[in-house]
Amino acid sequence: MHTRPDISYAVSILSQFMHQPKEIHLYAAYRVLYYLKGTPVNVKMFTDADYAGSITDQKLTTGHLTFIGGNLVTWRSKTQTVVAHSSVEAKLRSLAQGVCELL
């Protein structure tokens, strides 16, 4: 069961009152948070690196995907400014960037 479809309507309605919230909106937000607290959260992150994949400059390309409850929430791919000396270094750089994004 995915959480997002269950709460998207409630969050959409609450977001309409962000500029002039009332106490009733706070209680509604608490109910959404209470629902989320009782819902198991499954976070998965996948990282990968292309060691010296660019033919012209041999720079490292890293990427990561983050899924929460089966829904893709972030993804990123970046060509690094440094050249990795090994495939292990490339994978560790990708993993470190992914963990930093997750935190």
PDB file of N, CA and C in Angstrom:
ATOM      1  N   MET A   1       0.844  -1.177   0.000  1.00  0.00           N
ATOM      2  CA  MET A   1       0.000   0.000   0.000  1.00  0.00           C
ATOM      3  C   MET A   1       0.885   1.235   0.000  1.00  0.00           C
ATOM      4  N   HIS A   2       0.627   2.152  -0.881  1.00  0.00           N
ATOM      5  CA  HIS A   2       1.406   3.378  -0.970  1.00  0.00           C
ATOM      6  C   HIS A   2       0.701   4.485  -0.199  1.00  0.00           C
ATOM      7  N   THR A   3       1.466   5.278   0.516  1.00  0.00           N
ATOM      8  CA  THR A   3       0.903   6.329   1.356  1.00  0.00           C
ATOM      9  C   THR A   3       0.457   7.533   0.544  1.00  0.00           C
ATOM     10  N   ARG A   4       1.215   7.911  -0.456  1.00  0.00           N
ATOM     11  CA  ARG A   4       0.946   9.152  -1.176  1.00  0.00           C
ATOM     12  C   ARG A   4      -0.486   9.281  -1.693  1.00  0.00           C
ATOM     13  N   PRO A   5      -1.047   8.303  -2.399  1.00  0.00           N
ATOM     14  CA  PRO A   5      -2.423   8.483  -2.885  1.00  0.00           C
ATOM     15  C   PRO A   5      -3.434   8.644  -1.750  1.00  0.00           C
ATOM     16  N   ASP A   6      -3.147   8.053  -0.592  1.00  0.00           N
ATOM     17  CA  ASP A   6      -4.074   8.137   0.524  1.00  0.00           C
ATOM     18  C   ASP A   6      -4.131   9.529   1.140  1.00  0.00           C
ATOM     19  N   ILE A   7      -3.036  10.266   1.098  1.00  0.00           N
ATOM     20  CA  ILE A   7      -3.012  11.571   1.766  1.00  0.00           C
ATOM     21  C   ILE A   7      -2.923  12.746   0.804  1.00  0.00           C
ATOM     22  N   SER A   8      -2.784  12.510  -0.480  1.00  0.00           N
ATOM     23  CA  SER A   8      -2.565  13.615  -1.417  1.00  0.00           C
ATOM     24  C   SER A   8      -3.722  14.606  -1.419  1.00  0.00           C
ATOM     25  N   TYR A   9      -4.946  14.126  -1.317  1.00  0.00           N
ATOM     26  CA  TYR A   9      -6.094  15.033  -1.314  1.00  0.00           C
ATOM     27  C   TYR A   9      -6.084  15.905  -0.059  1.00  0.00           C
ATOM     28  N   ALA A  10      -5.848  15.298   1.094  1.00  0.00           N
ATOM     29  CA  ALA A  10      -5.834  16.057   2.350  1.00  0.00           C
ATOM     30  C   ALA A  10      -4.729  17.109   2.348  1.00  0.00           C
ATOM     31  N   VAL A  11      -3.556  16.752   1.867  1.00  0.00           N
ATOM     32  CA  VAL A  11      -2.448  17.706   1.815  1.00  0.00           C
ATOM     33  C   VAL A  11      -2.744  18.811   0.812  1.00  0.00           C
ATOM     34  N   SER A  12      -3.379  18.482  -0.294  1.00  0.00           N
ATOM     35  CA  SER A  12      -3.755  19.486  -1.291  1.00  0.00           C
ATOM     36  C   SER A  12      -4.714  20.518  -0.699  1.00  0.00           C
ATOM     37  N   ILE A  13      -5.712  20.048   0.044  1.00  0.00           N
ATOM     38  CA  ILE A  13      -6.667  20.970   0.670  1.00  0.00           C
ATOM     39  C   ILE A  13      -5.969  21.824   1.722  1.00  0.00           C
ATOM     40  N   LEU A  14      -5.132  21.202   2.552  1.00  0.00           N
ATOM     41  CA  LEU A  14      -4.423  21.957   3.593  1.00  0.00           C
ATOM     42  C   LEU A  14      -3.500  23.019   2.996  1.00  0.00           C
ATOM     43  N   SER A  15      -2.877  22.721   1.874  1.00  0.00           N
ATOM     44  CA  SER A  15      -1.938  23.670   1.271  1.00  0.00           C
ATOM     45  C   SER A  15      -2.626  24.950   0.799  1.00  0.00           C
ATOM     46  N   GLN A  16      -3.929  24.903   0.595  1.00  0.00           N
ATOM     47  CA  GLN A  16      -4.661  26.097   0.164  1.00  0.00           C
ATOM     48  C   GLN A  16      -4.789  27.128   1.285  1.00  0.00           C
ATOM     49  N   PHE A  17      -4.525  26.717   2.519  1.00  0.00           N
ATOM     50  CA  PHE A  17      -4.674  27.613   3.663  1.00  0.00           C
ATOM     51  C   PHE A  17      -3.334  27.986   4.293  1.00  0.00           C
ATOM     52  N   MET A  18      -2.260  27.846   3.555  1.00  0.00           N
ATOM     53  CA  MET A  18      -0.935  28.128   4.106  1.00  0.00           C
ATOM     54  C   MET A  18      -0.740  29.599   4.433  1.00  0.00           C
ATOM     55  N   HIS A  19      -1.364  30.497   3.691  1.00  0.00           N
ATOM     56  CA  HIS A  19      -1.146  31.926   3.905  1.00  0.00           C
ATOM     57  C   HIS A  19      -1.963  32.477   5.064  1.00  0.00           C
ATOM     58  N   GLN A  20      -3.101  31.854   5.376  1.00  0.00           N
ATOM     59  CA  GLN A  20      -3.926  32.279   6.506  1.00  0.00           C
ATOM     60  C   GLN A  20      -4.454  31.051   7.248  1.00  0.00           C
ATOM     61  N   PRO A  21      -3.569  30.314   7.906  1.00  0.00           N
ATOM     62  CA  PRO A  21      -4.028  29.100   8.585  1.00  0.00           C
ATOM     63  C   PRO A  21      -4.811  29.427   9.855  1.00  0.00           C
ATOM     64  N   LYS A  22      -5.756  28.576  10.151  1.00  0.00           N
ATOM     65  CA  LYS A  22      -6.551  28.680  11.374  1.00  0.00           C
ATOM     66  C   LYS A  22      -6.235  27.457  12.238  1.00  0.00           C
ATOM     67  N   GLU A  23      -6.756  27.457  13.439  1.00  0.00           N
ATOM     68  CA  GLU A  23      -6.494  26.357  14.359  1.00  0.00           C
ATOM     69  C   GLU A  23      -7.030  25.028  13.818  1.00  0.00           C
ATOM     70  N   ILE A  24      -8.143  25.072  13.125  1.00  0.00           N
ATOM     71  CA  ILE A  24      -8.723  23.848  12.562  1.00  0.00           C
ATOM     72  C   ILE A  24      -7.800  23.218  11.518  1.00  0.00           C
ATOM     73  N   HIS A  25      -7.042  24.058  10.799  1.00  0.00           N
ATOM     74  CA  HIS A  25      -6.101  23.542   9.801  1.00  0.00           C
ATOM     75  C   HIS A  25      -4.924  22.844  10.493  1.00  0.00           C
ATOM     76  N   LEU A  26      -4.523  23.364  11.645  1.00  0.00           N
ATOM     77  CA  LEU A  26      -3.454  22.730  12.412  1.00  0.00           C
ATOM     78  C   LEU A  26      -3.889  21.335  12.870  1.00  0.00           C
ATOM     79  N   TYR A  27      -5.115  21.227  13.352  1.00  0.00           N
ATOM     80  CA  TYR A  27      -5.624  19.921  13.785  1.00  0.00           C
ATOM     81  C   TYR A  27      -5.718  18.944  12.606  1.00  0.00           C
ATOM     82  N   ALA A  28      -6.092  19.451  11.447  1.00  0.00           N
ATOM     83  CA  ALA A  28      -6.144  18.593  10.254  1.00  0.00           C
ATOM     84  C   ALA A  28      -4.738  18.116   9.874  1.00  0.00           C
ATOM     85  N   ALA A  29      -3.756  19.009   9.992  1.00  0.00           N
ATOM     86  CA  ALA A  29      -2.369  18.628   9.704  1.00  0.00           C
ATOM     87  C   ALA A  29      -1.882  17.581  10.705  1.00  0.00           C
ATOM     88  N   TYR A  30      -2.276  17.733  11.972  1.00  0.00           N
ATOM     89  CA  TYR A  30      -1.927  16.732  12.985  1.00  0.00           C
ATOM     90  C   TYR A  30      -2.512  15.363  12.635  1.00  0.00           C
ATOM     91  N   ARG A  31      -3.717  15.354  12.101  1.00  0.00           N
ATOM     92  CA  ARG A  31      -4.354  14.077  11.728  1.00  0.00           C
ATOM     93  C   ARG A  31      -3.586  13.398  10.595  1.00  0.00           C
ATOM     94  N   VAL A  32      -3.109  14.202   9.633  1.00  0.00           N
ATOM     95  CA  VAL A  32      -2.304  13.641   8.539  1.00  0.00           C
ATOM     96  C   VAL A  32      -1.008  13.058   9.102  1.00  0.00           C
ATOM     97  N   LEU A  33      -0.355  13.809  10.007  1.00  0.00           N
ATOM     98  CA  LEU A  33       0.885  13.322  10.608  1.00  0.00           C
ATOM     99  C   LEU A  33       0.642  12.074  11.452  1.00  0.00           C
ATOM    100  N   TYR A  34      -0.480  12.035  12.157  1.00  0.00           N
ATOM    101  CA  TYR A  34      -0.828  10.861  12.959  1.00  0.00           C
ATOM    102  C   TYR A  34      -1.019   9.643  12.055  1.00  0.00           C
ATOM    103  N   TYR A  35      -1.645   9.863  10.911  1.00  0.00           N
ATOM    104  CA  TYR A  35      -1.826   8.778   9.940  1.00  0.00           C
ATOM    105  C   TYR A  35      -0.466   8.273   9.444  1.00  0.00           C
ATOM    106  N   LEU A  36       0.428   9.216   9.119  1.00  0.00           N
ATOM    107  CA  LEU A  36       1.746   8.830   8.619  1.00  0.00           C
ATOM    108  C   LEU A  36       2.552   8.088   9.675  1.00  0.00           C
ATOM    109  N   LYS A  37       2.378   8.486  10.935  1.00  0.00           N
ATOM    110  CA  LYS A  37       3.104   7.832  12.019  1.00  0.00           C
ATOM    111  C   LYS A  37       2.739   6.348  12.102  1.00  0.00           C
ATOM    112  N   GLY A  38       1.497   6.015  11.834  1.00  0.00           N
ATOM    113  CA  GLY A  38       1.058   4.631  11.896  1.00  0.00           C
ATOM    114  C   GLY A  38       1.284   3.854  10.617  1.00  0.00           C
ATOM    115  N   THR A  39       1.807   4.501   9.596  1.00  0.00           N
ATOM    116  CA  THR A  39       2.031   3.860   8.306  1.00  0.00           C
ATOM    117  C   THR A  39       3.503   3.470   8.183  1.00  0.00           C
ATOM    118  N   PRO A  40       3.793   2.225   7.843  1.00  0.00           N
ATOM    119  CA  PRO A  40       5.200   1.850   7.674  1.00  0.00           C
ATOM    120  C   PRO A  40       5.806   2.576   6.473  1.00  0.00           C
ATOM    121  N   VAL A  41       7.002   3.102   6.670  1.00  0.00           N
ATOM    122  CA  VAL A  41       7.688   3.834   5.608  1.00  0.00           C
ATOM    123  C   VAL A  41       8.830   2.966   5.092  1.00  0.00           C
ATOM    124  N   ASN A  42       8.843   2.746   3.811  1.00  0.00           N
ATOM    125  CA  ASN A  42       9.860   1.937   3.171  1.00  0.00           C
ATOM    126  C   ASN A  42      10.692   2.852   2.277  1.00  0.00           C
ATOM    127  N   VAL A  43      11.941   3.110   2.674  1.00  0.00           N
ATOM    128  CA  VAL A  43      12.828   3.989   1.911  1.00  0.00           C
ATOM    129  C   VAL A  43      13.895   3.133   1.237  1.00  0.00           C
ATOM    130  N   LYS A  44      14.040   3.309  -0.073  1.00  0.00           N
ATOM    131  CA  LYS A  44      15.076   2.602  -0.831  1.00  0.00           C
ATOM    132  C   LYS A  44      15.855   3.615  -1.651  1.00  0.00           C
ATOM    133  N   MET A  45      17.173   3.415  -1.701  1.00  0.00           N
ATOM    134  CA  MET A  45      18.018   4.271  -2.522  1.00  0.00           C
ATOM    135  C   MET A  45      18.921   3.386  -3.368  1.00  0.00           C
ATOM    136  N   PHE A  46      19.055   3.763  -4.626  1.00  0.00           N
ATOM    137  CA  PHE A  46      19.929   3.054  -5.548  1.00  0.00           C
ATOM    138  C   PHE A  46      20.953   4.052  -6.077  1.00  0.00           C
ATOM    139  N   THR A  47      22.224   3.666  -6.078  1.00  0.00           N
ATOM    140  CA  THR A  47      23.282   4.532  -6.596  1.00  0.00           C
ATOM    141  C   THR A  47      24.079   3.766  -7.645  1.00  0.00           C
ATOM    142  N   ASP A  48      24.707   4.523  -8.533  1.00  0.00           N
ATOM    143  CA  ASP A  48      25.572   3.915  -9.539  1.00  0.00           C
ATOM    144  C   ASP A  48      26.571   4.958 -10.005  1.00  0.00           C
ATOM    145  N   ALA A  49      27.655   4.493 -10.577  1.00  0.00           N
ATOM    146  CA  ALA A  49      28.682   5.389 -11.090  1.00  0.00           C
ATOM    147  C   ALA A  49      29.221   4.828 -12.396  1.00  0.00           C
ATOM    148  N   ASP A  50      29.535   5.726 -13.309  1.00  0.00           N
ATOM    149  CA  ASP A  50      30.153   5.351 -14.579  1.00  0.00           C
ATOM    150  C   ASP A  50      31.595   5.833 -14.518  1.00  0.00           C
ATOM    151  N   TYR A  51      32.495   4.911 -14.284  1.00  0.00           N
ATOM    152  CA  TYR A  51      33.907   5.214 -14.124  1.00  0.00           C
ATOM    153  C   TYR A  51      34.530   5.508 -15.482  1.00  0.00           C
ATOM    154  N   ALA A  52      34.993   6.736 -15.665  1.00  0.00           N
ATOM    155  CA  ALA A  52      35.666   7.164 -16.897  1.00  0.00           C
ATOM    156  C   ALA A  52      34.816   6.894 -18.128  1.00  0.00           C
ATOM    157  N   GLY A  53      33.523   7.158 -18.025  1.00  0.00           N
ATOM    158  CA  GLY A  53      32.612   6.881 -19.125  1.00  0.00           C
ATOM    159  C   GLY A  53      32.690   7.877 -20.263  1.00  0.00           C
ATOM    160  N   SER A  54      33.099   9.093 -19.972  1.00  0.00           N
ATOM    161  CA  SER A  54      33.199  10.105 -21.014  1.00  0.00           C
ATOM    162  C   SER A  54      34.496   9.904 -21.793  1.00  0.00           C
ATOM    163  N   ILE A  55      34.382   9.765 -23.080  1.00  0.00           N
ATOM    164  CA  ILE A  55      35.564   9.518 -23.913  1.00  0.00           C
ATOM    165  C   ILE A  55      36.467  10.741 -23.968  1.00  0.00           C
ATOM    166  N   THR A  56      35.886  11.936 -23.957  1.00  0.00           N
ATOM    167  CA  THR A  56      36.681  13.147 -24.135  1.00  0.00           C
ATOM    168  C   THR A  56      37.489  13.521 -22.901  1.00  0.00           C
ATOM    169  N   ASP A  57      36.882  13.488 -21.718  1.00  0.00           N
ATOM    170  CA  ASP A  57      37.610  13.938 -20.529  1.00  0.00           C
ATOM    171  C   ASP A  57      37.739  12.869 -19.440  1.00  0.00           C
ATOM    172  N   GLN A  58      37.150  11.704 -19.622  1.00  0.00           N
ATOM    173  CA  GLN A  58      37.189  10.574 -18.693  1.00  0.00           C
ATOM    174  C   GLN A  58      36.740  10.944 -17.278  1.00  0.00           C
ATOM    175  N   LYS A  59      35.797  11.861 -17.178  1.00  0.00           N
ATOM    176  CA  LYS A  59      35.286  12.242 -15.863  1.00  0.00           C
ATOM    177  C   LYS A  59      34.199  11.274 -15.419  1.00  0.00           C
ATOM    178  N   LEU A  60      34.046  11.205 -14.145  1.00  0.00           N
ATOM    179  CA  LEU A  60      33.115  10.302 -13.491  1.00  0.00           C
ATOM    180  C   LEU A  60      31.691  10.845 -13.567  1.00  0.00           C
ATOM    181  N   THR A  61      30.726   9.974 -13.844  1.00  0.00           N
ATOM    182  CA  THR A  61      29.310  10.330 -13.796  1.00  0.00           C
ATOM    183  C   THR A  61      28.659   9.493 -12.707  1.00  0.00           C
ATOM    184  N   THR A  62      27.999  10.174 -11.760  1.00  0.00           N
ATOM    185  CA  THR A  62      27.321   9.475 -10.668  1.00  0.00           C
ATOM    186  C   THR A  62      25.826   9.730 -10.752  1.00  0.00           C
ATOM    187  N   GLY A  63      25.076   8.860 -10.105  1.00  0.00           N
ATOM    188  CA  GLY A  63      23.636   9.045 -10.075  1.00  0.00           C
ATOM    189  C   GLY A  63      23.011   8.278  -8.936  1.00  0.00           C
ATOM    190  N   HIS A  64      21.836   8.732  -8.521  1.00  0.00           N
ATOM    191  CA  HIS A  64      21.100   8.004  -7.493  1.00  0.00           C
ATOM    192  C   HIS A  64      19.604   8.232  -7.647  1.00  0.00           C
ATOM    193  N   LEU A  65      18.831   7.259  -7.161  1.00  0.00           N
ATOM    194  CA  LEU A  65      17.369   7.301  -7.145  1.00  0.00           C
ATOM    195  C   LEU A  65      16.918   7.032  -5.718  1.00  0.00           C
ATOM    196  N   THR A  66      15.891   7.758  -5.250  1.00  0.00           N
ATOM    197  CA  THR A  66      15.329   7.521  -3.923  1.00  0.00           C
ATOM    198  C   THR A  66      13.845   7.235  -4.064  1.00  0.00           C
ATOM    199  N   PHE A  67      13.420   6.135  -3.485  1.00  0.00           N
ATOM    200  CA  PHE A  67      12.014   5.739  -3.472  1.00  0.00           C
ATOM    201  C   PHE A  67      11.517   5.741  -2.037  1.00  0.00           C
ATOM    202  N   ILE A  68      10.350   6.315  -1.805  1.00  0.00           N
ATOM    203  CA  ILE A  68       9.688   6.239  -0.503  1.00  0.00           C
ATOM    204  C   ILE A  68       8.330   5.604  -0.739  1.00  0.00           C
ATOM    205  N   GLY A  69       8.117   4.468  -0.092  1.00  0.00           N
ATOM    206  CA  GLY A  69       6.860   3.747  -0.268  1.00  0.00           C
ATOM    207  C   GLY A  69       6.606   3.326  -1.699  1.00  0.00           C
ATOM    208  N   GLY A  70       7.655   3.047  -2.446  1.00  0.00           N
ATOM    209  CA  GLY A  70       7.493   2.620  -3.827  1.00  0.00           C
ATOM    210  C   GLY A  70       7.351   3.756  -4.824  1.00  0.00           C
ATOM    211  N   ASN A  71       7.358   5.002  -4.351  1.00  0.00           N
ATOM    212  CA  ASN A  71       7.221   6.168  -5.228  1.00  0.00           C
ATOM    213  C   ASN A  71       8.568   6.860  -5.384  1.00  0.00           C
ATOM    214  N   LEU A  72       8.959   7.150  -6.610  1.00  0.00           N
ATOM    215  CA  LEU A  72      10.201   7.869  -6.870  1.00  0.00           C
ATOM    216  C   LEU A  72      10.048   9.300  -6.385  1.00  0.00           C
ATOM    217  N   VAL A  73      10.928   9.734  -5.457  1.00  0.00           N
ATOM    218  CA  VAL A  73      10.831  11.095  -4.936  1.00  0.00           C
ATOM    219  C   VAL A  73      12.011  11.965  -5.347  1.00  0.00           C
ATOM    220  N   THR A  74      13.192  11.386  -5.536  1.00  0.00           N
ATOM    221  CA  THR A  74      14.331  12.167  -6.025  1.00  0.00           C
ATOM    222  C   THR A  74      15.157  11.306  -6.973  1.00  0.00           C
ATOM    223  N   TRP A  75      15.784  11.973  -7.921  1.00  0.00           N
ATOM    224  CA  TRP A  75      16.760  11.316  -8.774  1.00  0.00           C
ATOM    225  C   TRP A  75      17.752  12.371  -9.213  1.00  0.00           C
ATOM    226  N   ARG A  76      18.985  11.929  -9.447  1.00  0.00           N
ATOM    227  CA  ARG A  76      20.013  12.879  -9.849  1.00  0.00           C
ATOM    228  C   ARG A  76      21.112  12.147 -10.608  1.00  0.00           C
ATOM    229  N   SER A  77      21.622  12.814 -11.606  1.00  0.00           N
ATOM    230  CA  SER A  77      22.764  12.325 -12.358  1.00  0.00           C
ATOM    231  C   SER A  77      23.692  13.512 -12.555  1.00  0.00           C
ATOM    232  N   LYS A  78      24.971  13.313 -12.282  1.00  0.00           N
ATOM    233  CA  LYS A  78      25.894  14.445 -12.349  1.00  0.00           C
ATOM    234  C   LYS A  78      27.258  13.987 -12.853  1.00  0.00           C
ATOM    235  N   THR A  79      27.826  14.768 -13.767  1.00  0.00           N
ATOM    236  CA  THR A  79      29.200  14.550 -14.190  1.00  0.00           C
ATOM    237  C   THR A  79      30.094  15.283 -13.208  1.00  0.00           C
ATOM    238  N   GLN A  80      30.994  14.566 -12.588  1.00  0.00           N
ATOM    239  CA  GLN A  80      31.856  15.137 -11.561  1.00  0.00           C
ATOM    240  C   GLN A  80      32.983  15.953 -12.191  1.00  0.00           C
ATOM    241  N   THR A  81      33.559  16.819 -11.385  1.00  0.00           N
ATOM    242  CA  THR A  81      34.653  17.670 -11.870  1.00  0.00           C
ATOM    243  C   THR A  81      36.008  16.993 -11.720  1.00  0.00           C
ATOM    244  N   VAL A  82      36.022  15.812 -11.114  1.00  0.00           N
ATOM    245  CA  VAL A  82      37.283  15.103 -10.895  1.00  0.00           C
ATOM    246  C   VAL A  82      37.286  13.795 -11.685  1.00  0.00           C
ATOM    247  N   VAL A  83      38.471  13.265 -11.871  1.00  0.00           N
ATOM    248  CA  VAL A  83      38.637  11.971 -12.523  1.00  0.00           C
ATOM    249  C   VAL A  83      38.871  10.938 -11.424  1.00  0.00           C
ATOM    250  N   ALA A  84      38.083   9.883 -11.396  1.00  0.00           N
ATOM    251  CA  ALA A  84      38.254   8.826 -10.395  1.00  0.00           C
ATOM    252  C   ALA A  84      39.431   7.938 -10.788  1.00  0.00           C
ATOM    253  N   HIS A  85      40.179   7.489  -9.792  1.00  0.00           N
ATOM    254  CA  HIS A  85      41.337   6.640 -10.049  1.00  0.00           C
ATOM    255  C   HIS A  85      40.983   5.158 -10.123  1.00  0.00           C
ATOM    256  N   SER A  86      39.804   4.803  -9.631  1.00  0.00           N
ATOM    257  CA  SER A  86      39.389   3.401  -9.681  1.00  0.00           C
ATOM    258  C   SER A  86      37.867   3.327  -9.687  1.00  0.00           C
ATOM    259  N   SER A  87      37.355   2.167 -10.050  1.00  0.00           N
ATOM    260  CA  SER A  87      35.903   1.992 -10.043  1.00  0.00           C
ATOM    261  C   SER A  87      35.363   1.988  -8.618  1.00  0.00           C
ATOM    262  N   VAL A  88      36.161   1.536  -7.657  1.00  0.00           N
ATOM    263  CA  VAL A  88      35.740   1.554  -6.250  1.00  0.00           C
ATOM    264  C   VAL A  88      35.576   2.993  -5.779  1.00  0.00           C
ATOM    265  N   GLU A  89      36.519   3.853  -6.128  1.00  0.00           N
ATOM    266  CA  GLU A  89      36.417   5.267  -5.764  1.00  0.00           C
ATOM    267  C   GLU A  89      35.172   5.886  -6.392  1.00  0.00           C
ATOM    268  N   ALA A  90      34.892   5.543  -7.621  1.00  0.00           N
ATOM    269  CA  ALA A  90      33.714   6.080  -8.306  1.00  0.00           C
ATOM    270  C   ALA A  90      32.436   5.651  -7.599  1.00  0.00           C
ATOM    271  N   LYS A  91      32.345   4.374  -7.239  1.00  0.00           N
ATOM    272  CA  LYS A  91      31.147   3.871  -6.555  1.00  0.00           C
ATOM    273  C   LYS A  91      31.001   4.492  -5.170  1.00  0.00           C
ATOM    274  N   LEU A  92      32.105   4.677  -4.454  1.00  0.00           N
ATOM    275  CA  LEU A  92      32.039   5.293  -3.124  1.00  0.00           C
ATOM    276  C   LEU A  92      31.601   6.750  -3.207  1.00  0.00           C
ATOM    277  N   ARG A  93      32.058   7.465  -4.217  1.00  0.00           N
ATOM    278  CA  ARG A  93      31.611   8.854  -4.405  1.00  0.00           C
ATOM    279  C   ARG A  93      30.106   8.899  -4.660  1.00  0.00           C
ATOM    280  N   SER A  94      29.627   8.007  -5.494  1.00  0.00           N
ATOM    281  CA  SER A  94      28.201   7.959  -5.800  1.00  0.00           C
ATOM    282  C   SER A  94      27.392   7.629  -4.551  1.00  0.00           C
ATOM    283  N   LEU A  95      27.849   6.665  -3.779  1.00  0.00           N
ATOM    284  CA  LEU A  95      27.166   6.282  -2.547  1.00  0.00           C
ATOM    285  C   LEU A  95      27.154   7.433  -1.548  1.00  0.00           C
ATOM    286  N   ALA A  96      28.282   8.124  -1.388  1.00  0.00           N
ATOM    287  CA  ALA A  96      28.360   9.246  -0.448  1.00  0.00           C
ATOM    288  C   ALA A  96      27.408  10.367  -0.842  1.00  0.00           C
ATOM    289  N   GLN A  97      27.340  10.679  -2.122  1.00  0.00           N
ATOM    290  CA  GLN A  97      26.420  11.728  -2.561  1.00  0.00           C
ATOM    291  C   GLN A  97      24.973  11.322  -2.344  1.00  0.00           C
ATOM    292  N   GLY A  98      24.659  10.064  -2.583  1.00  0.00           N
ATOM    293  CA  GLY A  98      23.299   9.582  -2.364  1.00  0.00           C
ATOM    294  C   GLY A  98      22.897   9.649  -0.906  1.00  0.00           C
ATOM    295  N   VAL A  99      23.790   9.236  -0.021  1.00  0.00           N
ATOM    296  CA  VAL A  99      23.492   9.278   1.417  1.00  0.00           C
ATOM    297  C   VAL A  99      23.340  10.716   1.889  1.00  0.00           C
ATOM    298  N   CYS A 100      24.182  11.621   1.417  1.00  0.00           N
ATOM    299  CA  CYS A 100      24.046  13.039   1.786  1.00  0.00           C
ATOM    300  C   CYS A 100      22.694  13.587   1.346  1.00  0.00           C
ATOM    301  N   GLU A 101      22.255  13.212   0.171  1.00  0.00           N
ATOM    302  CA  GLU A 101      20.945  13.655  -0.326  1.00  0.00           C
ATOM    303  C   GLU A 101      19.824  13.079   0.537  1.00  0.00           C
ATOM    304  N   LEU A 102      19.981  11.841   0.958  1.00  0.00           N
ATOM    305  CA  LEU A 102      18.960  11.182   1.770  1.00  0.00           C
ATOM    306  C   LEU A 102      18.843  11.828   3.141  1.00  0.00           C
ATOM    307  N   LEU A 103      19.976  12.201   3.723  1.00  0.00           N
ATOM    308  CA  LEU A 103      19.949  12.821   5.053  1.00  0.00           C
ATOM    309  C   LEU A 103      19.468  14.237   4.951  1.00  0.00           C
TER     310      LEU A 103
END
